[in-house]
Amino acid sequence: MRVILQVTAGPALGRQIPLQSGERARFGSSDSADVCFPEDVQMAEVHFELECQSEQCLVRDLSGTAGTFVNDEPVEEASIEDGDQIVAGQTQLRTVVKGRPGDPKGKPDESQTDQPVEPKLSAVELCQMTDLEEESLQLFRPSHTPEEFFQVLTDNQLFADAIRILSLYLPKRQAIYWAYRAVDDVFPRDLIGDERTALDVTMAWLKDPSEENRRAAMAIAEKLEFANAPSLVAAAACWSEGSMAPAEFDEVPPDPNLTAQMAAAAMTMTATSGEVKSINDRFGKITEIGKQFLAGDVELPA
């Protein structure tokens, strides 16, 4: 069994902590904890413990009077289910549980489905995770859903911010495919040589997100020095999972938001290439493709 804790609120927003069966980790604000949140001033030095067993994952409160909460209920010890929410201090974490014994055989994992494993983020969380223009922030309302805020931004031609928000909101493979479609369909000139290869390699990964195809995407992105839109699409794919380091080195997991950042950068570069007078037209085409993904009208390549 594997458990991933995703920080959805607090100073470490966006951080992910994976645990495998047989592993145990203590969470707190001090270096004596296995997983440290030094900026959370309300978290105890060692606040709670998570133990990942073969058939269940247990959370235990170690904070004393501060308290650890699971789904808004204080707990001393509790079994964690997929989608549960843990709160310790200012930090809120959602749990993703994979490979639990007894799960139906053939249940698709994240690499086999276009549905996100993690719960979808709110518009407030999305705003916290990206650097928006002041004009965009002024248009935001706490009541907005992500879909509504995306529409508000596009209506006001704040296209770059709209793309940033939707790239974070979509599941990673959908965000990558959106970037692929945008560059392939909207780029103002024909792609040649290694540029074309970067998109072809990305498509191979979209059809089969294997480690071999992910490494191939990394190789072409590095060859192009991450300097153009196709290379950024390939980078979005190669940094969606796995390790950023060469295969022979210790694993260096990518920042969980890096895929969205690379996808958004590829689309913005596509829109701003070519004639200046056509920039908004290209942005408009890209966001229209994005709306197809939001509406569920796009199937991932197979």
C-alpha atoms as a PDB file:
ATOM      1  CA  MET A   1       0.000   0.000   0.000  1.00  0.00           C
ATOM      2  CA  ARG A   2       1.146   3.543  -0.737  1.00  0.00           C
ATOM      3  CA  VAL A   3      -0.077   6.762   0.863  1.00  0.00           C
ATOM      4  CA  ILE A   4       0.538  10.293  -0.394  1.00  0.00           C
ATOM      5  CA  LEU A   5      -0.129  13.278   1.859  1.00  0.00           C
ATOM      6  CA  GLN A   6      -0.851  16.455  -0.110  1.00  0.00           C
ATOM      7  CA  VAL A   7      -0.672  19.820   1.668  1.00  0.00           C
ATOM      8  CA  THR A   8      -3.783  21.765   0.627  1.00  0.00           C
ATOM      9  CA  ALA A   9      -3.513  24.666   3.091  1.00  0.00           C
ATOM     10  CA  GLY A  10      -0.797  26.204   5.238  1.00  0.00           C
ATOM     11  CA  PRO A  11       2.735  27.535   4.736  1.00  0.00           C
ATOM     12  CA  ALA A  12       3.836  24.403   2.826  1.00  0.00           C
ATOM     13  CA  LEU A  13       0.942  24.502   0.332  1.00  0.00           C
ATOM     14  CA  GLY A  14       1.529  22.159  -2.602  1.00  0.00           C
ATOM     15  CA  ARG A  15       4.009  19.861  -0.855  1.00  0.00           C
ATOM     16  CA  GLN A  16       3.557  16.093  -1.208  1.00  0.00           C
ATOM     17  CA  ILE A  17       4.853  13.419   1.171  1.00  0.00           C
ATOM     18  CA  PRO A  18       4.749   9.754   0.036  1.00  0.00           C
ATOM     19  CA  LEU A  19       4.878   6.731   2.357  1.00  0.00           C
ATOM     20  CA  GLN A  20       5.103   3.038   1.474  1.00  0.00           C
ATOM     21  CA  SER A  21       3.971  -0.012   3.438  1.00  0.00           C
ATOM     22  CA  GLY A  22       6.290  -0.585   6.383  1.00  0.00           C
ATOM     23  CA  GLU A  23       7.269   3.086   6.698  1.00  0.00           C
ATOM     24  CA  ARG A  24       6.555   5.356   9.653  1.00  0.00           C
ATOM     25  CA  ALA A  25       7.088   9.121   9.812  1.00  0.00           C
ATOM     26  CA  ARG A  26       6.659  11.787  12.489  1.00  0.00           C
ATOM     27  CA  PHE A  27       5.416  15.211  11.388  1.00  0.00           C
ATOM     28  CA  GLY A  28       6.179  18.439  13.248  1.00  0.00           C
ATOM     29  CA  SER A  29       7.714  21.898  13.223  1.00  0.00           C
ATOM     30  CA  SER A  30      11.174  20.928  14.497  1.00  0.00           C
ATOM     31  CA  ASP A  31      14.165  19.102  13.066  1.00  0.00           C
ATOM     32  CA  SER A  32      13.447  16.210  15.409  1.00  0.00           C
ATOM     33  CA  ALA A  33      10.447  15.327  13.213  1.00  0.00           C
ATOM     34  CA  ASP A  34      10.983  13.142  10.146  1.00  0.00           C
ATOM     35  CA  VAL A  35       8.863  15.526   8.063  1.00  0.00           C
ATOM     36  CA  CYS A  36       9.443  19.122   9.153  1.00  0.00           C
ATOM     37  CA  PHE A  37       7.149  22.135   8.693  1.00  0.00           C
ATOM     38  CA  PRO A  38       9.317  24.902  10.224  1.00  0.00           C
ATOM     39  CA  GLU A  39       7.071  27.758   9.064  1.00  0.00           C
ATOM     40  CA  ASP A  40       3.947  26.423  10.779  1.00  0.00           C
ATOM     41  CA  VAL A  41       4.141  28.236  14.110  1.00  0.00           C
ATOM     42  CA  GLN A  42       1.009  26.489  15.411  1.00  0.00           C
ATOM     43  CA  MET A  43       2.322  22.972  14.853  1.00  0.00           C
ATOM     44  CA  ALA A  44       3.943  21.144  17.773  1.00  0.00           C
ATOM     45  CA  GLU A  45       7.606  20.184  17.514  1.00  0.00           C
ATOM     46  CA  VAL A  46       6.484  16.605  16.916  1.00  0.00           C
ATOM     47  CA  HIS A  47       2.778  16.817  16.167  1.00  0.00           C
ATOM     48  CA  PHE A  48       1.604  13.482  14.778  1.00  0.00           C
ATOM     49  CA  GLU A  49       2.844  10.159  13.463  1.00  0.00           C
ATOM     50  CA  LEU A  50       1.745   8.320  10.346  1.00  0.00           C
ATOM     51  CA  GLU A  51       2.353   4.566  10.094  1.00  0.00           C
ATOM     52  CA  CYS A  52       1.763   2.875   6.752  1.00  0.00           C
ATOM     53  CA  GLN A  53       1.038  -0.820   7.301  1.00  0.00           C
ATOM     54  CA  SER A  54       0.277  -3.477   4.708  1.00  0.00           C
ATOM     55  CA  GLU A  55      -3.497  -3.240   5.182  1.00  0.00           C
ATOM     56  CA  GLN A  56      -4.089   0.144   6.767  1.00  0.00           C
ATOM     57  CA  CYS A  57      -2.526   3.522   7.511  1.00  0.00           C
ATOM     58  CA  LEU A  58      -2.709   4.872  11.069  1.00  0.00           C
ATOM     59  CA  VAL A  59      -2.353   8.445  12.286  1.00  0.00           C
ATOM     60  CA  ARG A  60      -1.448   9.041  15.952  1.00  0.00           C
ATOM     61  CA  ASP A  61      -1.544  12.337  17.789  1.00  0.00           C
ATOM     62  CA  LEU A  62       1.727  13.228  19.537  1.00  0.00           C
ATOM     63  CA  SER A  63       1.024  16.911  20.109  1.00  0.00           C
ATOM     64  CA  GLY A  64      -0.363  16.865  23.618  1.00  0.00           C
ATOM     65  CA  THR A  65      -2.891  19.684  23.908  1.00  0.00           C
ATOM     66  CA  ALA A  66      -2.608  21.071  20.352  1.00  0.00           C
ATOM     67  CA  GLY A  67      -4.549  18.190  18.832  1.00  0.00           C
ATOM     68  CA  THR A  68      -4.576  16.349  15.517  1.00  0.00           C
ATOM     69  CA  PHE A  69      -7.824  16.325  13.527  1.00  0.00           C
ATOM     70  CA  VAL A  70      -9.092  13.873  10.926  1.00  0.00           C
ATOM     71  CA  ASN A  71     -12.094  15.138   8.970  1.00  0.00           C
ATOM     72  CA  ASP A  72     -12.568  17.855  11.621  1.00  0.00           C
ATOM     73  CA  GLU A  73     -12.671  15.330  14.492  1.00  0.00           C
ATOM     74  CA  PRO A  74      -9.889  15.237  17.141  1.00  0.00           C
ATOM     75  CA  VAL A  75      -8.173  11.849  17.246  1.00  0.00           C
ATOM     76  CA  GLU A  76      -5.646  10.013  19.370  1.00  0.00           C
ATOM     77  CA  GLU A  77      -5.318   7.234  16.783  1.00  0.00           C
ATOM     78  CA  ALA A  78      -7.313   6.672  13.630  1.00  0.00           C
ATOM     79  CA  SER A  79      -7.200   4.679  10.392  1.00  0.00           C
ATOM     80  CA  ILE A  80      -6.824   6.869   7.299  1.00  0.00           C
ATOM     81  CA  GLU A  81      -8.958   6.352   4.204  1.00  0.00           C
ATOM     82  CA  ASP A  82      -8.513   7.721   0.704  1.00  0.00           C
ATOM     83  CA  GLY A  83      -9.582  11.379   0.577  1.00  0.00           C
ATOM     84  CA  ASP A  84      -9.429  11.993   4.343  1.00  0.00           C
ATOM     85  CA  GLN A  85      -8.284  15.371   5.647  1.00  0.00           C
ATOM     86  CA  ILE A  86      -5.695  15.730   8.420  1.00  0.00           C
ATOM     87  CA  VAL A  87      -5.206  19.063  10.181  1.00  0.00           C
ATOM     88  CA  ALA A  88      -2.223  19.838  12.405  1.00  0.00           C
ATOM     89  CA  GLY A  89      -1.564  23.438  13.354  1.00  0.00           C
ATOM     90  CA  GLN A  90      -2.032  25.624  10.275  1.00  0.00           C
ATOM     91  CA  THR A  91      -1.349  22.721   7.940  1.00  0.00           C
ATOM     92  CA  GLN A  92      -4.111  20.813   6.174  1.00  0.00           C
ATOM     93  CA  LEU A  93      -3.301  17.593   4.323  1.00  0.00           C
ATOM     94  CA  ARG A  94      -5.385  15.356   2.089  1.00  0.00           C
ATOM     95  CA  THR A  95      -4.624  11.650   1.824  1.00  0.00           C
ATOM     96  CA  VAL A  96      -4.389   9.588  -1.344  1.00  0.00           C
ATOM     97  CA  VAL A  97      -4.328   5.835  -0.628  1.00  0.00           C
ATOM     98  CA  LYS A  98      -3.214   3.468  -3.392  1.00  0.00           C
ATOM     99  CA  GLY A  99      -2.920  -0.297  -3.596  1.00  0.00           C
ATOM    100  CA  ARG A 100      -4.947  -1.155  -0.502  1.00  0.00           C
ATOM    101  CA  PRO A 101      -5.463  -4.934  -0.204  1.00  0.00           C
ATOM    102  CA  GLY A 102      -8.973  -5.836  -1.294  1.00  0.00           C
ATOM    103  CA  ASP A 103      -9.262  -3.042  -3.843  1.00  0.00           C
ATOM    104  CA  PRO A 104     -10.975  -4.326  -6.993  1.00  0.00           C
ATOM    105  CA  LYS A 105      -8.545  -5.914  -9.427  1.00  0.00           C
ATOM    106  CA  GLY A 106      -8.075  -3.927 -12.558  1.00  0.00           C
ATOM    107  CA  LYS A 107      -8.872  -0.658 -10.834  1.00  0.00           C
ATOM    108  CA  PRO A 108      -7.132   2.000 -12.956  1.00  0.00           C
ATOM    109  CA  ASP A 109      -4.256   3.879 -11.416  1.00  0.00           C
ATOM    110  CA  GLU A 110      -3.227   7.474 -12.129  1.00  0.00           C
ATOM    111  CA  SER A 111      -1.261   6.510 -15.223  1.00  0.00           C
ATOM    112  CA  GLN A 112      -4.222   4.707 -16.785  1.00  0.00           C
ATOM    113  CA  THR A 113      -7.021   7.219 -16.401  1.00  0.00           C
ATOM    114  CA  ASP A 114      -7.678  10.857 -17.077  1.00  0.00           C
ATOM    115  CA  GLN A 115      -9.365  11.252 -13.702  1.00  0.00           C
ATOM    116  CA  PRO A 116      -7.285  12.896 -10.963  1.00  0.00           C
ATOM    117  CA  VAL A 117      -6.318  10.765  -7.969  1.00  0.00           C
ATOM    118  CA  GLU A 118      -6.256  13.810  -5.722  1.00  0.00           C
ATOM    119  CA  PRO A 119      -9.358  15.835  -4.824  1.00  0.00           C
ATOM    120  CA  LYS A 120      -9.723  18.857  -7.068  1.00  0.00           C
ATOM    121  CA  LEU A 121      -8.455  22.157  -5.737  1.00  0.00           C
ATOM    122  CA  SER A 122     -10.677  25.126  -4.940  1.00  0.00           C
ATOM    123  CA  ALA A 123     -10.301  28.484  -6.634  1.00  0.00           C
ATOM    124  CA  VAL A 124      -8.863  29.915  -3.408  1.00  0.00           C
ATOM    125  CA  GLU A 125      -6.208  27.191  -3.301  1.00  0.00           C
ATOM    126  CA  LEU A 126      -5.362  27.732  -6.974  1.00  0.00           C
ATOM    127  CA  CYS A 127      -4.864  31.463  -6.381  1.00  0.00           C
ATOM    128  CA  GLN A 128      -2.531  30.681  -3.485  1.00  0.00           C
ATOM    129  CA  MET A 129      -0.461  28.386  -5.662  1.00  0.00           C
ATOM    130  CA  THR A 130       0.346  30.792  -8.505  1.00  0.00           C
ATOM    131  CA  ASP A 131       1.562  34.360  -8.956  1.00  0.00           C
ATOM    132  CA  LEU A 132      -1.390  36.172 -10.529  1.00  0.00           C
ATOM    133  CA  GLU A 133      -1.509  39.705 -11.872  1.00  0.00           C
ATOM    134  CA  GLU A 134      -3.030  42.302  -9.566  1.00  0.00           C
ATOM    135  CA  GLU A 135      -5.908  42.850 -12.002  1.00  0.00           C
ATOM    136  CA  SER A 136      -6.738  39.144 -11.852  1.00  0.00           C
ATOM    137  CA  LEU A 137      -6.723  39.151  -8.053  1.00  0.00           C
ATOM    138  CA  GLN A 138      -9.077  42.118  -8.008  1.00  0.00           C
ATOM    139  CA  LEU A 139     -11.553  40.179 -10.151  1.00  0.00           C
ATOM    140  CA  PHE A 140     -11.447  37.110  -7.913  1.00  0.00           C
ATOM    141  CA  ARG A 141     -14.315  36.386  -5.538  1.00  0.00           C
ATOM    142  CA  PRO A 142     -14.149  33.700  -2.812  1.00  0.00           C
ATOM    143  CA  SER A 143     -17.420  32.285  -4.145  1.00  0.00           C
ATOM    144  CA  HIS A 144     -15.864  31.551  -7.538  1.00  0.00           C
ATOM    145  CA  THR A 145     -15.432  27.974  -8.617  1.00  0.00           C
ATOM    146  CA  PRO A 146     -12.261  27.305 -10.633  1.00  0.00           C
ATOM    147  CA  GLU A 147     -14.388  27.061 -13.774  1.00  0.00           C
ATOM    148  CA  GLU A 148     -16.048  30.406 -13.054  1.00  0.00           C
ATOM    149  CA  PHE A 149     -12.754  32.153 -12.312  1.00  0.00           C
ATOM    150  CA  PHE A 150     -11.211  30.772 -15.499  1.00  0.00           C
ATOM    151  CA  GLN A 151     -14.159  32.213 -17.441  1.00  0.00           C
ATOM    152  CA  VAL A 152     -13.867  35.594 -15.693  1.00  0.00           C
ATOM    153  CA  LEU A 153     -10.183  35.774 -16.595  1.00  0.00           C
ATOM    154  CA  THR A 154     -10.761  34.873 -20.228  1.00  0.00           C
ATOM    155  CA  ASP A 155     -13.679  37.317 -20.504  1.00  0.00           C
ATOM    156  CA  ASN A 156     -11.318  40.067 -19.330  1.00  0.00           C
ATOM    157  CA  GLN A 157      -8.549  38.874 -21.694  1.00  0.00           C
ATOM    158  CA  LEU A 158      -6.268  37.989 -18.792  1.00  0.00           C
ATOM    159  CA  PHE A 159      -5.305  34.934 -20.769  1.00  0.00           C
ATOM    160  CA  ALA A 160      -1.927  34.106 -19.227  1.00  0.00           C
ATOM    161  CA  ASP A 161      -3.432  33.941 -15.738  1.00  0.00           C
ATOM    162  CA  ALA A 162      -6.407  31.933 -17.018  1.00  0.00           C
ATOM    163  CA  ILE A 163      -3.972  29.399 -18.471  1.00  0.00           C
ATOM    164  CA  ARG A 164      -1.996  29.232 -15.204  1.00  0.00           C
ATOM    165  CA  ILE A 165      -5.150  28.552 -13.194  1.00  0.00           C
ATOM    166  CA  LEU A 166      -6.509  25.871 -15.515  1.00  0.00           C
ATOM    167  CA  SER A 167      -3.115  24.151 -15.886  1.00  0.00           C
ATOM    168  CA  LEU A 168      -3.051  23.686 -12.103  1.00  0.00           C
ATOM    169  CA  TYR A 169      -6.688  22.615 -11.925  1.00  0.00           C
ATOM    170  CA  LEU A 170      -6.634  19.933 -14.611  1.00  0.00           C
ATOM    171  CA  PRO A 171      -5.160  16.481 -13.884  1.00  0.00           C
ATOM    172  CA  LYS A 172      -1.539  16.441 -15.018  1.00  0.00           C
ATOM    173  CA  ARG A 173      -1.968  14.345 -18.150  1.00  0.00           C
ATOM    174  CA  GLN A 174      -4.847  16.552 -19.280  1.00  0.00           C
ATOM    175  CA  ALA A 175      -2.773  19.707 -18.690  1.00  0.00           C
ATOM    176  CA  ILE A 176       0.073  18.203 -20.727  1.00  0.00           C
ATOM    177  CA  TYR A 177      -2.259  17.186 -23.550  1.00  0.00           C
ATOM    178  CA  TRP A 178      -3.786  20.683 -23.538  1.00  0.00           C
ATOM    179  CA  ALA A 179      -0.300  22.176 -23.907  1.00  0.00           C
ATOM    180  CA  TYR A 180       0.479  19.662 -26.664  1.00  0.00           C
ATOM    181  CA  ARG A 181      -2.711  20.587 -28.532  1.00  0.00           C
ATOM    182  CA  ALA A 182      -2.054  24.306 -28.108  1.00  0.00           C
ATOM    183  CA  VAL A 183       1.479  24.160 -29.473  1.00  0.00           C
ATOM    184  CA  ASP A 184       0.573  21.719 -32.257  1.00  0.00           C
ATOM    185  CA  ASP A 185      -2.521  23.640 -33.397  1.00  0.00           C
ATOM    186  CA  VAL A 186      -1.786  27.280 -32.605  1.00  0.00           C
ATOM    187  CA  PHE A 187       1.966  27.867 -32.935  1.00  0.00           C
ATOM    188  CA  PRO A 188       2.340  30.532 -35.672  1.00  0.00           C
ATOM    189  CA  ARG A 189       4.786  28.547 -37.839  1.00  0.00           C
ATOM    190  CA  ASP A 190       5.500  24.938 -38.711  1.00  0.00           C
ATOM    191  CA  LEU A 191       7.570  23.038 -36.169  1.00  0.00           C
ATOM    192  CA  ILE A 192      10.678  21.412 -37.593  1.00  0.00           C
ATOM    193  CA  GLY A 193      13.525  19.146 -36.496  1.00  0.00           C
ATOM    194  CA  ASP A 194      13.877  18.654 -32.757  1.00  0.00           C
ATOM    195  CA  GLU A 195      10.866  20.899 -32.102  1.00  0.00           C
ATOM    196  CA  ARG A 196       8.653  18.388 -33.889  1.00  0.00           C
ATOM    197  CA  THR A 197      10.452  15.540 -32.153  1.00  0.00           C
ATOM    198  CA  ALA A 198       9.666  17.075 -28.743  1.00  0.00           C
ATOM    199  CA  LEU A 199       5.940  16.942 -29.486  1.00  0.00           C
ATOM    200  CA  ASP A 200       6.173  13.447 -30.961  1.00  0.00           C
ATOM    201  CA  VAL A 201       7.974  12.172 -27.868  1.00  0.00           C
ATOM    202  CA  THR A 202       5.361  13.827 -25.654  1.00  0.00           C
ATOM    203  CA  MET A 203       2.587  12.135 -27.610  1.00  0.00           C
ATOM    204  CA  ALA A 204       4.344   8.793 -27.134  1.00  0.00           C
ATOM    205  CA  TRP A 205       4.354   9.449 -23.372  1.00  0.00           C
ATOM    206  CA  LEU A 206       0.687  10.485 -23.400  1.00  0.00           C
ATOM    207  CA  LYS A 207      -0.207   7.177 -25.046  1.00  0.00           C
ATOM    208  CA  ASP A 208       2.100   5.159 -22.811  1.00  0.00           C
ATOM    209  CA  PRO A 209       3.335   7.019 -19.683  1.00  0.00           C
ATOM    210  CA  SER A 210       6.179   4.595 -19.096  1.00  0.00           C
ATOM    211  CA  GLU A 211       9.500   5.455 -17.497  1.00  0.00           C
ATOM    212  CA  GLU A 212      11.237   4.931 -20.848  1.00  0.00           C
ATOM    213  CA  ASN A 213       8.989   7.463 -22.570  1.00  0.00           C
ATOM    214  CA  ARG A 214       9.281   9.885 -19.662  1.00  0.00           C
ATOM    215  CA  ARG A 215      13.090   9.732 -19.880  1.00  0.00           C
ATOM    216  CA  ALA A 216      12.880  10.296 -23.644  1.00  0.00           C
ATOM    217  CA  ALA A 217      10.844  13.454 -23.013  1.00  0.00           C
ATOM    218  CA  MET A 218      13.464  14.612 -20.532  1.00  0.00           C
ATOM    219  CA  ALA A 219      16.258  13.991 -23.052  1.00  0.00           C
ATOM    220  CA  ILE A 220      14.689  16.075 -25.833  1.00  0.00           C
ATOM    221  CA  ALA A 221      13.742  18.881 -23.439  1.00  0.00           C
ATOM    222  CA  GLU A 222      17.336  19.055 -22.212  1.00  0.00           C
ATOM    223  CA  LYS A 223      18.677  18.940 -25.788  1.00  0.00           C
ATOM    224  CA  LEU A 224      16.532  21.960 -26.651  1.00  0.00           C
ATOM    225  CA  GLU A 225      17.638  23.616 -23.367  1.00  0.00           C
ATOM    226  CA  PHE A 226      13.997  24.283 -22.374  1.00  0.00           C
ATOM    227  CA  ALA A 227      14.185  27.275 -24.711  1.00  0.00           C
ATOM    228  CA  ASN A 228      11.037  26.892 -26.826  1.00  0.00           C
ATOM    229  CA  ALA A 229       7.403  25.875 -26.489  1.00  0.00           C
ATOM    230  CA  PRO A 230       7.741  22.232 -27.674  1.00  0.00           C
ATOM    231  CA  SER A 231      10.598  21.611 -25.232  1.00  0.00           C
ATOM    232  CA  LEU A 232       8.459  22.952 -22.376  1.00  0.00           C
ATOM    233  CA  VAL A 233       5.649  20.553 -23.313  1.00  0.00           C
ATOM    234  CA  ALA A 234       8.152  17.693 -23.120  1.00  0.00           C
ATOM    235  CA  ALA A 235       9.403  19.065 -19.787  1.00  0.00           C
ATOM    236  CA  ALA A 236       5.826  19.090 -18.458  1.00  0.00           C
ATOM    237  CA  ALA A 237       5.617  15.381 -19.263  1.00  0.00           C
ATOM    238  CA  CYS A 238       9.014  14.368 -17.894  1.00  0.00           C
ATOM    239  CA  TRP A 239       8.491  16.283 -14.637  1.00  0.00           C
ATOM    240  CA  SER A 240       4.994  14.944 -14.030  1.00  0.00           C
ATOM    241  CA  GLU A 241       6.340  12.045 -11.942  1.00  0.00           C
ATOM    242  CA  GLY A 242       9.481  10.023 -11.318  1.00  0.00           C
ATOM    243  CA  SER A 243      12.833  11.686 -10.706  1.00  0.00           C
ATOM    244  CA  MET A 244      14.411  14.830 -12.129  1.00  0.00           C
ATOM    245  CA  ALA A 245      17.888  13.305 -11.699  1.00  0.00           C
ATOM    246  CA  PRO A 246      19.628  10.928 -14.134  1.00  0.00           C
ATOM    247  CA  ALA A 247      18.655   7.292 -13.666  1.00  0.00           C
ATOM    248  CA  GLU A 248      21.947   6.386 -11.997  1.00  0.00           C
ATOM    249  CA  PHE A 249      21.528   8.989  -9.219  1.00  0.00           C
ATOM    250  CA  ASP A 250      19.313   9.096  -6.140  1.00  0.00           C
ATOM    251  CA  GLU A 251      15.713  10.062  -6.821  1.00  0.00           C
ATOM    252  CA  VAL A 252      14.913  13.785  -6.869  1.00  0.00           C
ATOM    253  CA  PRO A 253      11.111  14.128  -7.071  1.00  0.00           C
ATOM    254  CA  PRO A 254       9.839  17.172  -8.989  1.00  0.00           C
ATOM    255  CA  ASP A 255       7.819  19.912  -7.376  1.00  0.00           C
ATOM    256  CA  PRO A 256       4.152  18.853  -7.710  1.00  0.00           C
ATOM    257  CA  ASN A 257       3.286  22.124  -9.485  1.00  0.00           C
ATOM    258  CA  LEU A 258       6.102  21.944 -12.022  1.00  0.00           C
ATOM    259  CA  THR A 259       4.050  20.199 -14.702  1.00  0.00           C
ATOM    260  CA  ALA A 260       1.404  22.918 -14.612  1.00  0.00           C
ATOM    261  CA  GLN A 261       4.061  25.636 -14.709  1.00  0.00           C
ATOM    262  CA  MET A 262       5.783  24.110 -17.742  1.00  0.00           C
ATOM    263  CA  ALA A 263       2.494  23.523 -19.567  1.00  0.00           C
ATOM    264  CA  ALA A 264       1.356  27.101 -18.933  1.00  0.00           C
ATOM    265  CA  ALA A 265       4.722  28.497 -20.019  1.00  0.00           C
ATOM    266  CA  ALA A 266       4.561  26.489 -23.271  1.00  0.00           C
ATOM    267  CA  MET A 267       1.112  27.855 -24.065  1.00  0.00           C
ATOM    268  CA  THR A 268       2.015  31.437 -23.192  1.00  0.00           C
ATOM    269  CA  MET A 269       5.149  31.189 -25.358  1.00  0.00           C
ATOM    270  CA  THR A 270       3.005  29.870 -28.203  1.00  0.00           C
ATOM    271  CA  ALA A 271       0.578  32.768 -27.912  1.00  0.00           C
ATOM    272  CA  THR A 272       3.254  35.452 -27.726  1.00  0.00           C
ATOM    273  CA  SER A 273       5.332  34.159 -30.657  1.00  0.00           C
ATOM    274  CA  GLY A 274       4.794  35.690 -34.078  1.00  0.00           C
ATOM    275  CA  GLU A 275       2.948  38.890 -34.912  1.00  0.00           C
ATOM    276  CA  VAL A 276       2.067  41.051 -31.920  1.00  0.00           C
ATOM    277  CA  LYS A 277      -1.335  41.971 -33.341  1.00  0.00           C
ATOM    278  CA  SER A 278      -2.347  38.290 -33.317  1.00  0.00           C
ATOM    279  CA  ILE A 279      -1.352  37.504 -29.718  1.00  0.00           C
ATOM    280  CA  ASN A 280      -4.860  37.795 -28.273  1.00  0.00           C
ATOM    281  CA  ASP A 281      -6.239  35.714 -31.129  1.00  0.00           C
ATOM    282  CA  ARG A 282      -3.778  32.923 -30.344  1.00  0.00           C
ATOM    283  CA  PHE A 283      -4.517  33.199 -26.622  1.00  0.00           C
ATOM    284  CA  GLY A 284      -8.218  32.955 -27.425  1.00  0.00           C
ATOM    285  CA  LYS A 285      -7.718  29.767 -29.448  1.00  0.00           C
ATOM    286  CA  ILE A 286      -5.674  28.213 -26.640  1.00  0.00           C
ATOM    287  CA  THR A 287      -8.274  29.005 -23.977  1.00  0.00           C
ATOM    288  CA  GLU A 288     -11.041  27.646 -26.218  1.00  0.00           C
ATOM    289  CA  ILE A 289      -9.167  24.344 -26.321  1.00  0.00           C
ATOM    290  CA  GLY A 290      -8.915  24.549 -22.522  1.00  0.00           C
ATOM    291  CA  LYS A 291     -12.678  24.909 -22.270  1.00  0.00           C
ATOM    292  CA  GLN A 292     -13.052  21.619 -24.153  1.00  0.00           C
ATOM    293  CA  PHE A 293     -11.018  19.918 -21.431  1.00  0.00           C
ATOM    294  CA  LEU A 294     -13.113  21.553 -18.703  1.00  0.00           C
ATOM    295  CA  ALA A 295     -16.289  20.340 -20.403  1.00  0.00           C
ATOM    296  CA  GLY A 296     -14.940  16.775 -20.524  1.00  0.00           C
ATOM    297  CA  ASP A 297     -15.054  16.728 -24.320  1.00  0.00           C
ATOM    298  CA  VAL A 298     -11.452  15.575 -24.808  1.00  0.00           C
ATOM    299  CA  GLU A 299     -10.237  12.008 -24.462  1.00  0.00           C
ATOM    300  CA  LEU A 300      -6.591  11.303 -23.743  1.00  0.00           C
ATOM    301  CA  PRO A 301      -4.625   9.603 -26.533  1.00  0.00           C
ATOM    302  CA  ALA A 302      -4.575   5.829 -26.314  1.00  0.00           C
END
